[in-house]
Amino acid sequence: MLFILAACSSDTPTGSNSPTGPAPNSLKPDVVSKSSVHQDDSEQQPTSSDLQNAITSHGVESVGCSEALTWEKGGEGLNDCASSGRGAIFSRVELQVFQGGDTFGAQYFFMMTTEVTQGFYQKVMGSPLDTSQCNVKGNSADLSPNQPAYCISWLDAVKFANALSEQLNLETCYQVERSSKIWPNSLECKGFRLPTPVEWSWAFKGNGVSSVVGLNERVWHQGNSNSRTHSVASLKPNGFGLYDLAGNVSEWVYEDPDPGPNRQVLGGEHRVYRGGSAGDGTELVIKGAKGDAHYSHKDAGVGFRLVRTAD
């Protein structure tokens, strides 16, 4: 099962602490003269009622997309509304935890099939993606609505999750205060959130078709990307129907490098990201690379995708 969120318009949207782990900022600089992509102020933003219908309706429903939509898990069909940056598709994942393993994840959850795109980020937040802190040598990527959102801090990502939940009249999962350490209802929260490391790792395994099998067919990495990000969903998905988990941009998760016994309350000021980026070598992307950075850190190699606990 999957559900689709889509924004109402198809118009084209338009210094921090150093991270540890794989270098997500190893992408080539982009040739652009401005730090954000602007949008016509007259464009209408998605309304709560429009987006709510997408979740509560049976089966698959599109909101605000006029073209016919097709999507085949693990196949060649593709929902153009998501791949073009106008909306988002979520695929249902069943988590399996093996004896003795980490269990901090929802048994059933919906995961966004693509990384959050620049187009969808602008639709939800109502303002262009600001990449001014990332347009420097060795720390840039392409600006396009169908490219993954980048120059996104961990704190930006949880604010986006709350904003999307509010637009859909869902519970907001995070108390956003400085480092946003508090996730009051943990896995019981029904709004949008970042995946836990357990959820992300299980999704990466791919339900029989790994995120890295046939590497160049599924992963944008240093060897085939020219160290640049590419449009989401332009390679093959894994067995869960999820794209780009291993490459393109690394993805923030809800974790700090030294988790305590209460996993819903984070300590310290660093946060974890998973997966390689288009600037990382094959060894990192194959392993589902892991690194960490300050919660305010932004660069061209780190983006995010969201999940939601399923009923």
C-alpha atoms as a PDB file:
ATOM      1  CA  MET A   1       0.000   0.000   0.000  1.00  0.00           C
ATOM      2  CA  LEU A   2       1.106   3.558  -0.632  1.00  0.00           C
ATOM      3  CA  PHE A   3      -0.307   7.014  -0.484  1.00  0.00           C
ATOM      4  CA  ILE A   4       0.501  10.146  -2.406  1.00  0.00           C
ATOM      5  CA  LEU A   5       0.871  13.723  -1.300  1.00  0.00           C
ATOM      6  CA  ALA A   6       0.960  16.359  -3.998  1.00  0.00           C
ATOM      7  CA  ALA A   7       1.156  20.108  -4.033  1.00  0.00           C
ATOM      8  CA  CYS A   8      -1.460  22.011  -5.983  1.00  0.00           C
ATOM      9  CA  SER A   9       0.699  23.706  -8.580  1.00  0.00           C
ATOM     10  CA  SER A  10       3.137  22.310 -11.099  1.00  0.00           C
ATOM     11  CA  ASP A  11       5.066  25.561 -11.526  1.00  0.00           C
ATOM     12  CA  THR A  12       8.830  25.293 -11.272  1.00  0.00           C
ATOM     13  CA  PRO A  13       9.971  26.318  -7.792  1.00  0.00           C
ATOM     14  CA  THR A  14      12.522  27.787  -7.811  1.00  0.00           C
ATOM     15  CA  GLY A  15      29.106  28.223   8.229  1.00  0.00           C
ATOM     16  CA  SER A  16      28.628  25.443  10.527  1.00  0.00           C
ATOM     17  CA  ASN A  17      30.552  22.851  12.456  1.00  0.00           C
ATOM     18  CA  SER A  18      32.355  20.234  10.404  1.00  0.00           C
ATOM     19  CA  PRO A  19      30.775  16.776  10.116  1.00  0.00           C
ATOM     20  CA  THR A  20      32.422  13.487  10.923  1.00  0.00           C
ATOM     21  CA  GLY A  21      32.206  10.276   8.901  1.00  0.00           C
ATOM     22  CA  PRO A  22      31.970  10.265   5.077  1.00  0.00           C
ATOM     23  CA  ALA A  23      32.333  13.727   3.596  1.00  0.00           C
ATOM     24  CA  PRO A  24      28.860  14.721   2.339  1.00  0.00           C
ATOM     25  CA  ASN A  25      30.186  17.992   0.983  1.00  0.00           C
ATOM     26  CA  SER A  26      32.464  16.468  -1.642  1.00  0.00           C
ATOM     27  CA  LEU A  27      30.248  17.472  -4.565  1.00  0.00           C
ATOM     28  CA  LYS A  28      31.459  19.648  -7.407  1.00  0.00           C
ATOM     29  CA  PRO A  29      30.457  23.315  -7.356  1.00  0.00           C
ATOM     30  CA  ASP A  30      27.481  24.254  -9.499  1.00  0.00           C
ATOM     31  CA  VAL A  31      27.553  27.057 -12.039  1.00  0.00           C
ATOM     32  CA  VAL A  32      24.710  29.199 -10.700  1.00  0.00           C
ATOM     33  CA  SER A  33      24.584  32.919 -10.092  1.00  0.00           C
ATOM     34  CA  LYS A  34      21.938  33.011  -7.378  1.00  0.00           C
ATOM     35  CA  SER A  35      21.497  31.205  -4.100  1.00  0.00           C
ATOM     36  CA  SER A  36      17.853  30.216  -4.410  1.00  0.00           C
ATOM     37  CA  VAL A  37      15.213  29.565  -7.036  1.00  0.00           C
ATOM     38  CA  HIS A  38      12.375  32.056  -6.949  1.00  0.00           C
ATOM     39  CA  GLN A  39       8.719  31.430  -7.441  1.00  0.00           C
ATOM     40  CA  ASP A  40       5.856  33.580  -8.654  1.00  0.00           C
ATOM     41  CA  ASP A  41       4.183  35.059  -5.572  1.00  0.00           C
ATOM     42  CA  SER A  42       0.801  34.405  -7.181  1.00  0.00           C
ATOM     43  CA  GLU A  43       1.274  30.629  -7.087  1.00  0.00           C
ATOM     44  CA  GLN A  44      -1.154  28.991  -4.690  1.00  0.00           C
ATOM     45  CA  GLN A  45       0.201  26.843  -1.900  1.00  0.00           C
ATOM     46  CA  PRO A  46      -1.362  23.475  -0.981  1.00  0.00           C
ATOM     47  CA  THR A  47      -4.245  23.621   1.445  1.00  0.00           C
ATOM     48  CA  SER A  48      -4.799  21.368   4.433  1.00  0.00           C
ATOM     49  CA  SER A  49      -8.058  19.977   3.022  1.00  0.00           C
ATOM     50  CA  ASP A  50      -6.471  19.084  -0.324  1.00  0.00           C
ATOM     51  CA  LEU A  51      -3.601  17.208   1.250  1.00  0.00           C
ATOM     52  CA  GLN A  52      -5.788  15.567   3.879  1.00  0.00           C
ATOM     53  CA  ASN A  53      -7.823  13.880   1.182  1.00  0.00           C
ATOM     54  CA  ALA A  54      -4.676  12.223  -0.142  1.00  0.00           C
ATOM     55  CA  ILE A  55      -4.159  10.373   3.134  1.00  0.00           C
ATOM     56  CA  THR A  56      -7.720   9.459   4.073  1.00  0.00           C
ATOM     57  CA  SER A  57      -8.864   8.148   0.695  1.00  0.00           C
ATOM     58  CA  HIS A  58      -8.695   4.474  -0.235  1.00  0.00           C
ATOM     59  CA  GLY A  59      -5.793   3.094  -2.239  1.00  0.00           C
ATOM     60  CA  VAL A  60      -3.815   5.577  -4.297  1.00  0.00           C
ATOM     61  CA  GLU A  61      -4.963   9.135  -4.753  1.00  0.00           C
ATOM     62  CA  SER A  62      -3.269  12.148  -6.261  1.00  0.00           C
ATOM     63  CA  VAL A  63      -4.050  15.686  -5.223  1.00  0.00           C
ATOM     64  CA  GLY A  64      -3.299  18.583  -7.555  1.00  0.00           C
ATOM     65  CA  CYS A  65      -1.744  16.533 -10.376  1.00  0.00           C
ATOM     66  CA  SER A  66      -3.666  16.491 -13.623  1.00  0.00           C
ATOM     67  CA  GLU A  67      -1.722  13.762 -15.413  1.00  0.00           C
ATOM     68  CA  ALA A  68      -2.412  10.043 -15.066  1.00  0.00           C
ATOM     69  CA  LEU A  69      -0.242   8.492 -12.362  1.00  0.00           C
ATOM     70  CA  THR A  70       1.395   5.102 -12.503  1.00  0.00           C
ATOM     71  CA  TRP A  71       3.682   3.477  -9.965  1.00  0.00           C
ATOM     72  CA  GLU A  72       4.947  -0.103  -9.825  1.00  0.00           C
ATOM     73  CA  LYS A  73       6.955  -1.229  -6.812  1.00  0.00           C
ATOM     74  CA  GLY A  74      10.336  -2.418  -8.053  1.00  0.00           C
ATOM     75  CA  GLY A  75       9.365  -1.920 -11.678  1.00  0.00           C
ATOM     76  CA  GLU A  76       9.731   0.714 -14.373  1.00  0.00           C
ATOM     77  CA  GLY A  77       6.487   2.567 -13.673  1.00  0.00           C
ATOM     78  CA  LEU A  78       7.048   5.936 -12.036  1.00  0.00           C
ATOM     79  CA  ASN A  79       4.817   8.532 -10.463  1.00  0.00           C
ATOM     80  CA  ASP A  80       5.726  11.699 -12.285  1.00  0.00           C
ATOM     81  CA  CYS A  81       4.147  13.867  -9.609  1.00  0.00           C
ATOM     82  CA  ALA A  82       6.854  12.813  -7.127  1.00  0.00           C
ATOM     83  CA  SER A  83       9.779  12.492  -9.529  1.00  0.00           C
ATOM     84  CA  SER A  84       9.116  15.987 -10.914  1.00  0.00           C
ATOM     85  CA  GLY A  85       9.172  17.501  -7.442  1.00  0.00           C
ATOM     86  CA  ARG A  86       5.496  18.427  -7.099  1.00  0.00           C
ATOM     87  CA  GLY A  87       4.488  15.855  -4.504  1.00  0.00           C
ATOM     88  CA  ALA A  88       5.498  12.760  -2.610  1.00  0.00           C
ATOM     89  CA  ILE A  89       4.726   9.040  -2.523  1.00  0.00           C
ATOM     90  CA  PHE A  90       5.039   6.905   0.586  1.00  0.00           C
ATOM     91  CA  SER A  91       5.487   3.129   0.525  1.00  0.00           C
ATOM     92  CA  ARG A  92       4.466   0.855   3.399  1.00  0.00           C
ATOM     93  CA  VAL A  93       7.326  -1.069   5.032  1.00  0.00           C
ATOM     94  CA  GLU A  94       7.114  -3.913   7.536  1.00  0.00           C
ATOM     95  CA  LEU A  95      10.059  -3.863   9.927  1.00  0.00           C
ATOM     96  CA  GLN A  96      11.647  -7.171  10.919  1.00  0.00           C
ATOM     97  CA  VAL A  97      13.967  -7.154  13.912  1.00  0.00           C
ATOM     98  CA  PHE A  98      16.170 -10.161  14.552  1.00  0.00           C
ATOM     99  CA  GLN A  99      16.880 -11.590  17.982  1.00  0.00           C
ATOM    100  CA  GLY A 100      19.388  -9.461  19.844  1.00  0.00           C
ATOM    101  CA  GLY A 101      19.071  -6.580  17.379  1.00  0.00           C
ATOM    102  CA  ASP A 102      18.092  -2.961  17.934  1.00  0.00           C
ATOM    103  CA  THR A 103      14.302  -2.680  18.071  1.00  0.00           C
ATOM    104  CA  PHE A 104      13.782   1.102  18.022  1.00  0.00           C
ATOM    105  CA  GLY A 105      11.432   1.362  15.081  1.00  0.00           C
ATOM    106  CA  ALA A 106       7.745   1.062  14.228  1.00  0.00           C
ATOM    107  CA  GLN A 107       6.677  -2.410  13.090  1.00  0.00           C
ATOM    108  CA  TYR A 108       4.816  -0.837  10.174  1.00  0.00           C
ATOM    109  CA  PHE A 109       5.692   2.543   8.716  1.00  0.00           C
ATOM    110  CA  PHE A 110       5.332   4.538   5.530  1.00  0.00           C
ATOM    111  CA  MET A 111       8.570   5.820   4.014  1.00  0.00           C
ATOM    112  CA  MET A 112       8.880   8.456   1.326  1.00  0.00           C
ATOM    113  CA  THR A 113       9.946   6.688  -1.869  1.00  0.00           C
ATOM    114  CA  THR A 114      12.260   9.550  -2.832  1.00  0.00           C
ATOM    115  CA  GLU A 115      14.332  12.076  -0.986  1.00  0.00           C
ATOM    116  CA  VAL A 116      12.428  15.295  -0.310  1.00  0.00           C
ATOM    117  CA  THR A 117      12.783  17.322  -3.482  1.00  0.00           C
ATOM    118  CA  GLN A 118      13.490  21.014  -3.751  1.00  0.00           C
ATOM    119  CA  GLY A 119      10.079  21.502  -5.362  1.00  0.00           C
ATOM    120  CA  PHE A 120       8.151  19.742  -2.607  1.00  0.00           C
ATOM    121  CA  TYR A 121      10.204  21.482   0.090  1.00  0.00           C
ATOM    122  CA  GLN A 122       9.174  24.861  -1.291  1.00  0.00           C
ATOM    123  CA  LYS A 123       5.525  23.830  -1.657  1.00  0.00           C
ATOM    124  CA  VAL A 124       5.323  22.827   2.005  1.00  0.00           C
ATOM    125  CA  MET A 125       7.427  25.610   3.513  1.00  0.00           C
ATOM    126  CA  GLY A 126       6.108  28.375   1.243  1.00  0.00           C
ATOM    127  CA  SER A 127       9.520  29.846   0.442  1.00  0.00           C
ATOM    128  CA  PRO A 128      12.419  28.971  -1.859  1.00  0.00           C
ATOM    129  CA  LEU A 129      15.194  26.661  -0.763  1.00  0.00           C
ATOM    130  CA  ASP A 130      18.038  28.842   0.540  1.00  0.00           C
ATOM    131  CA  THR A 131      21.372  27.416  -0.576  1.00  0.00           C
ATOM    132  CA  SER A 132      23.467  30.500   0.098  1.00  0.00           C
ATOM    133  CA  GLN A 133      25.501  28.694   2.761  1.00  0.00           C
ATOM    134  CA  CYS A 134      26.382  25.904   0.348  1.00  0.00           C
ATOM    135  CA  ASN A 135      27.322  27.679  -2.892  1.00  0.00           C
ATOM    136  CA  VAL A 136      31.059  27.512  -2.269  1.00  0.00           C
ATOM    137  CA  LYS A 137      33.808  25.461  -3.842  1.00  0.00           C
ATOM    138  CA  GLY A 138      33.321  21.755  -3.209  1.00  0.00           C
ATOM    139  CA  ASN A 139      29.974  22.339  -1.533  1.00  0.00           C
ATOM    140  CA  SER A 140      27.244  22.794  -4.108  1.00  0.00           C
ATOM    141  CA  ALA A 141      24.684  20.899  -6.189  1.00  0.00           C
ATOM    142  CA  ASP A 142      22.075  21.574  -8.856  1.00  0.00           C
ATOM    143  CA  LEU A 143      19.039  23.768  -8.286  1.00  0.00           C
ATOM    144  CA  SER A 144      15.939  22.163  -9.768  1.00  0.00           C
ATOM    145  CA  PRO A 145      12.497  21.158  -8.436  1.00  0.00           C
ATOM    146  CA  ASN A 146      13.155  17.458  -9.135  1.00  0.00           C
ATOM    147  CA  GLN A 147      16.559  17.424  -7.428  1.00  0.00           C
ATOM    148  CA  PRO A 148      16.876  16.420  -3.781  1.00  0.00           C
ATOM    149  CA  ALA A 149      16.641  19.288  -1.308  1.00  0.00           C
ATOM    150  CA  TYR A 150      20.093  20.072   0.033  1.00  0.00           C
ATOM    151  CA  CYS A 151      21.708  22.654   2.292  1.00  0.00           C
ATOM    152  CA  ILE A 152      19.220  21.319   4.840  1.00  0.00           C
ATOM    153  CA  SER A 153      20.206  21.087   8.492  1.00  0.00           C
ATOM    154  CA  TRP A 154      18.851  18.419  10.812  1.00  0.00           C
ATOM    155  CA  LEU A 155      16.810  21.126  12.514  1.00  0.00           C
ATOM    156  CA  ASP A 156      15.410  22.238   9.135  1.00  0.00           C
ATOM    157  CA  ALA A 157      14.316  18.649   8.486  1.00  0.00           C
ATOM    158  CA  VAL A 158      12.322  18.278  11.713  1.00  0.00           C
ATOM    159  CA  LYS A 159      10.705  21.685  11.144  1.00  0.00           C
ATOM    160  CA  PHE A 160       9.656  20.509   7.663  1.00  0.00           C
ATOM    161  CA  ALA A 161       8.184  17.328   9.181  1.00  0.00           C
ATOM    162  CA  ASN A 162       6.124  19.375  11.621  1.00  0.00           C
ATOM    163  CA  ALA A 163       5.000  21.789   8.901  1.00  0.00           C
ATOM    164  CA  LEU A 164       3.778  18.962   6.670  1.00  0.00           C
ATOM    165  CA  SER A 165       1.949  17.347   9.594  1.00  0.00           C
ATOM    166  CA  GLU A 166       0.230  20.651  10.410  1.00  0.00           C
ATOM    167  CA  GLN A 167      -0.938  21.090   6.813  1.00  0.00           C
ATOM    168  CA  LEU A 168      -2.491  17.638   6.967  1.00  0.00           C
ATOM    169  CA  ASN A 169      -4.068  18.188  10.403  1.00  0.00           C
ATOM    170  CA  LEU A 170      -1.875  15.470  11.837  1.00  0.00           C
ATOM    171  CA  GLU A 171      -0.075  15.377  15.137  1.00  0.00           C
ATOM    172  CA  THR A 172       3.291  17.155  15.062  1.00  0.00           C
ATOM    173  CA  CYS A 173       6.014  14.821  16.312  1.00  0.00           C
ATOM    174  CA  TYR A 174       8.691  17.234  17.519  1.00  0.00           C
ATOM    175  CA  GLN A 175       9.040  20.024  20.027  1.00  0.00           C
ATOM    176  CA  VAL A 176      11.310  22.267  17.996  1.00  0.00           C
ATOM    177  CA  GLU A 177      13.491  24.058  20.511  1.00  0.00           C
ATOM    178  CA  ARG A 178      17.074  24.830  19.580  1.00  0.00           C
ATOM    179  CA  SER A 179      18.407  21.284  19.011  1.00  0.00           C
ATOM    180  CA  SER A 180      14.871  19.798  19.157  1.00  0.00           C
ATOM    181  CA  LYS A 181      15.840  17.032  21.546  1.00  0.00           C
ATOM    182  CA  ILE A 182      12.280  16.076  22.412  1.00  0.00           C
ATOM    183  CA  TRP A 183      10.048  13.628  20.535  1.00  0.00           C
ATOM    184  CA  PRO A 184       7.246  13.358  23.120  1.00  0.00           C
ATOM    185  CA  ASN A 185       5.155  10.499  21.733  1.00  0.00           C
ATOM    186  CA  SER A 186       8.026   8.666  20.078  1.00  0.00           C
ATOM    187  CA  LEU A 187       6.943   5.935  17.641  1.00  0.00           C
ATOM    188  CA  GLU A 188       3.290   6.430  18.586  1.00  0.00           C
ATOM    189  CA  CYS A 189       3.240   9.822  16.884  1.00  0.00           C
ATOM    190  CA  LYS A 190       1.050   9.678  13.764  1.00  0.00           C
ATOM    191  CA  GLY A 191       2.538  12.704  12.062  1.00  0.00           C
ATOM    192  CA  PHE A 192       5.582  12.876   9.806  1.00  0.00           C
ATOM    193  CA  ARG A 193       9.059  12.402  11.224  1.00  0.00           C
ATOM    194  CA  LEU A 194      12.598  11.378  10.398  1.00  0.00           C
ATOM    195  CA  PRO A 195      13.248   7.628  10.314  1.00  0.00           C
ATOM    196  CA  THR A 196      15.028   5.979  13.202  1.00  0.00           C
ATOM    197  CA  PRO A 197      18.356   4.314  12.314  1.00  0.00           C
ATOM    198  CA  VAL A 198      16.651   0.911  12.614  1.00  0.00           C
ATOM    199  CA  GLU A 199      13.907   1.894  10.171  1.00  0.00           C
ATOM    200  CA  TRP A 200      16.387   3.416   7.737  1.00  0.00           C
ATOM    201  CA  SER A 201      18.692   0.384   7.860  1.00  0.00           C
ATOM    202  CA  TRP A 202      15.841  -2.051   7.255  1.00  0.00           C
ATOM    203  CA  ALA A 203      14.556   0.021   4.343  1.00  0.00           C
ATOM    204  CA  PHE A 204      18.097   0.070   2.913  1.00  0.00           C
ATOM    205  CA  LYS A 205      18.133  -3.759   2.844  1.00  0.00           C
ATOM    206  CA  GLY A 206      15.360  -3.537   0.295  1.00  0.00           C
ATOM    207  CA  ASN A 207      13.059  -6.511   0.898  1.00  0.00           C
ATOM    208  CA  GLY A 208      15.072  -8.914  -1.239  1.00  0.00           C
ATOM    209  CA  VAL A 209      16.332  -6.318  -3.726  1.00  0.00           C
ATOM    210  CA  SER A 210      19.060  -4.336  -1.984  1.00  0.00           C
ATOM    211  CA  SER A 211      19.556  -0.612  -2.464  1.00  0.00           C
ATOM    212  CA  VAL A 212      23.018  -1.338  -3.904  1.00  0.00           C
ATOM    213  CA  VAL A 213      22.486  -4.434  -6.062  1.00  0.00           C
ATOM    214  CA  GLY A 214      23.622  -3.641  -9.618  1.00  0.00           C
ATOM    215  CA  LEU A 215      25.364  -0.618  -8.135  1.00  0.00           C
ATOM    216  CA  ASN A 216      25.316   1.748 -11.121  1.00  0.00           C
ATOM    217  CA  GLU A 217      21.663   0.930 -11.792  1.00  0.00           C
ATOM    218  CA  ARG A 218      20.523   2.088  -8.345  1.00  0.00           C
ATOM    219  CA  VAL A 219      23.114   4.394  -6.809  1.00  0.00           C
ATOM    220  CA  TRP A 220      24.466   7.820  -7.730  1.00  0.00           C
ATOM    221  CA  HIS A 221      28.025   7.720  -6.412  1.00  0.00           C
ATOM    222  CA  GLN A 222      31.372   9.234  -7.245  1.00  0.00           C
ATOM    223  CA  GLY A 223      32.043   6.739 -10.016  1.00  0.00           C
ATOM    224  CA  ASN A 224      28.944   7.445 -12.134  1.00  0.00           C
ATOM    225  CA  SER A 225      27.616  10.839 -11.048  1.00  0.00           C
ATOM    226  CA  ASN A 226      30.480  13.178 -11.890  1.00  0.00           C
ATOM    227  CA  SER A 227      30.177  14.043  -8.179  1.00  0.00           C
ATOM    228  CA  ARG A 228      26.857  15.821  -8.756  1.00  0.00           C
ATOM    229  CA  THR A 229      23.377  15.130  -7.504  1.00  0.00           C
ATOM    230  CA  HIS A 230      20.761  13.937  -9.997  1.00  0.00           C
ATOM    231  CA  SER A 231      16.983  14.019 -10.262  1.00  0.00           C
ATOM    232  CA  VAL A 232      15.281  11.768  -7.734  1.00  0.00           C
ATOM    233  CA  ALA A 233      14.030   8.389  -8.926  1.00  0.00           C
ATOM    234  CA  SER A 234      16.146   8.499 -12.087  1.00  0.00           C
ATOM    235  CA  LEU A 235      17.670   5.089 -11.251  1.00  0.00           C
ATOM    236  CA  LYS A 236      16.005   1.823 -10.198  1.00  0.00           C
ATOM    237  CA  PRO A 237      14.330   1.399  -6.788  1.00  0.00           C
ATOM    238  CA  ASN A 238      15.032  -1.285  -4.206  1.00  0.00           C
ATOM    239  CA  GLY A 239      12.581  -4.040  -3.300  1.00  0.00           C
ATOM    240  CA  PHE A 240      10.468  -1.719  -1.170  1.00  0.00           C
ATOM    241  CA  GLY A 241      10.101   0.677  -4.092  1.00  0.00           C
ATOM    242  CA  LEU A 242      12.462   3.197  -2.475  1.00  0.00           C
ATOM    243  CA  TYR A 243      14.879   5.256  -4.565  1.00  0.00           C
ATOM    244  CA  ASP A 244      18.338   6.662  -3.862  1.00  0.00           C
ATOM    245  CA  LEU A 245      18.762   5.358  -0.313  1.00  0.00           C
ATOM    246  CA  ALA A 246      22.423   4.528  -0.917  1.00  0.00           C
ATOM    247  CA  GLY A 247      23.491   7.628  -2.846  1.00  0.00           C
ATOM    248  CA  ASN A 248      22.612  11.025  -4.346  1.00  0.00           C
ATOM    249  CA  VAL A 249      22.488  12.741  -0.929  1.00  0.00           C
ATOM    250  CA  SER A 250      22.996  11.379   2.563  1.00  0.00           C
ATOM    251  CA  GLU A 251      19.883  11.506   4.747  1.00  0.00           C
ATOM    252  CA  TRP A 252      19.308  12.749   8.286  1.00  0.00           C
ATOM    253  CA  VAL A 253      17.843  10.270  10.797  1.00  0.00           C
ATOM    254  CA  TYR A 254      16.556  10.725  14.340  1.00  0.00           C
ATOM    255  CA  GLU A 255      19.655   9.800  16.295  1.00  0.00           C
ATOM    256  CA  ASP A 256      22.705  11.243  18.009  1.00  0.00           C
ATOM    257  CA  PRO A 257      26.131   9.570  17.850  1.00  0.00           C
ATOM    258  CA  ASP A 258      25.934   8.316  21.457  1.00  0.00           C
ATOM    259  CA  PRO A 259      22.318   7.328  22.118  1.00  0.00           C
ATOM    260  CA  GLY A 260      21.211   6.852  25.702  1.00  0.00           C
ATOM    261  CA  PRO A 261      18.577   4.490  27.097  1.00  0.00           C
ATOM    262  CA  ASN A 262      15.750   6.923  26.289  1.00  0.00           C
ATOM    263  CA  ARG A 263      15.949   7.066  22.508  1.00  0.00           C
ATOM    264  CA  GLN A 264      13.216   9.680  22.089  1.00  0.00           C
ATOM    265  CA  VAL A 265      15.305  12.284  23.935  1.00  0.00           C
ATOM    266  CA  LEU A 266      18.523  13.156  22.134  1.00  0.00           C
ATOM    267  CA  GLY A 267      21.684  14.330  23.866  1.00  0.00           C
ATOM    268  CA  GLY A 268      24.544  16.492  22.676  1.00  0.00           C
ATOM    269  CA  GLU A 269      24.488  18.706  19.602  1.00  0.00           C
ATOM    270  CA  HIS A 270      25.418  16.281  16.807  1.00  0.00           C
ATOM    271  CA  ARG A 271      22.967  14.290  14.717  1.00  0.00           C
ATOM    272  CA  VAL A 272      23.431  11.241  12.493  1.00  0.00           C
ATOM    273  CA  TYR A 273      23.000  10.974   8.734  1.00  0.00           C
ATOM    274  CA  ARG A 274      22.909   7.744   6.759  1.00  0.00           C
ATOM    275  CA  GLY A 275      23.698   6.697   3.195  1.00  0.00           C
ATOM    276  CA  GLY A 276      26.305   7.961   0.787  1.00  0.00           C
ATOM    277  CA  SER A 277      26.149  10.944  -1.515  1.00  0.00           C
ATOM    278  CA  ALA A 278      26.982  11.501  -5.159  1.00  0.00           C
ATOM    279  CA  GLY A 279      30.436  12.571  -4.067  1.00  0.00           C
ATOM    280  CA  ASP A 280      31.213   9.406  -2.086  1.00  0.00           C
ATOM    281  CA  GLY A 281      33.144   6.367  -3.259  1.00  0.00           C
ATOM    282  CA  THR A 282      31.663   2.913  -3.743  1.00  0.00           C
ATOM    283  CA  GLU A 283      32.957   1.523  -0.452  1.00  0.00           C
ATOM    284  CA  LEU A 284      30.937   4.056   1.517  1.00  0.00           C
ATOM    285  CA  VAL A 285      27.693   3.781  -0.439  1.00  0.00           C
ATOM    286  CA  ILE A 286      27.698  -0.035  -0.398  1.00  0.00           C
ATOM    287  CA  LYS A 287      27.907  -0.041   3.392  1.00  0.00           C
ATOM    288  CA  GLY A 288      25.057   2.454   3.824  1.00  0.00           C
ATOM    289  CA  ALA A 289      27.522   5.034   5.117  1.00  0.00           C
ATOM    290  CA  LYS A 290      27.046   6.651   8.511  1.00  0.00           C
ATOM    291  CA  GLY A 291      28.308  10.015   9.707  1.00  0.00           C
ATOM    292  CA  ASP A 292      27.302  12.829  12.026  1.00  0.00           C
ATOM    293  CA  ALA A 293      27.318  16.625  12.100  1.00  0.00           C
ATOM    294  CA  HIS A 294      26.062  19.481  14.251  1.00  0.00           C
ATOM    295  CA  TYR A 295      22.281  19.838  14.123  1.00  0.00           C
ATOM    296  CA  SER A 296      22.705  23.213  12.366  1.00  0.00           C
ATOM    297  CA  HIS A 297      25.189  21.901   9.777  1.00  0.00           C
ATOM    298  CA  LYS A 298      24.263  22.416   6.103  1.00  0.00           C
ATOM    299  CA  ASP A 299      25.986  21.236   2.938  1.00  0.00           C
ATOM    300  CA  ALA A 300      25.330  19.964  -0.564  1.00  0.00           C
ATOM    301  CA  GLY A 301      25.685  16.312   0.317  1.00  0.00           C
ATOM    302  CA  VAL A 302      22.957  15.937   2.952  1.00  0.00           C
ATOM    303  CA  GLY A 303      19.179  15.908   2.496  1.00  0.00           C
ATOM    304  CA  PHE A 304      16.386  13.820   4.032  1.00  0.00           C
ATOM    305  CA  ARG A 305      13.221  11.796   3.558  1.00  0.00           C
ATOM    306  CA  LEU A 306      10.324  11.317   5.949  1.00  0.00           C
ATOM    307  CA  VAL A 307       8.400   8.425   7.427  1.00  0.00           C
ATOM    308  CA  ARG A 308       5.106   8.049   9.264  1.00  0.00           C
ATOM    309  CA  THR A 309       4.083   5.312  11.661  1.00  0.00           C
ATOM    310  CA  ALA A 310       1.329   3.198  10.074  1.00  0.00           C
ATOM    311  CA  ASP A 311      -1.792   2.097  11.920  1.00  0.00           C
END
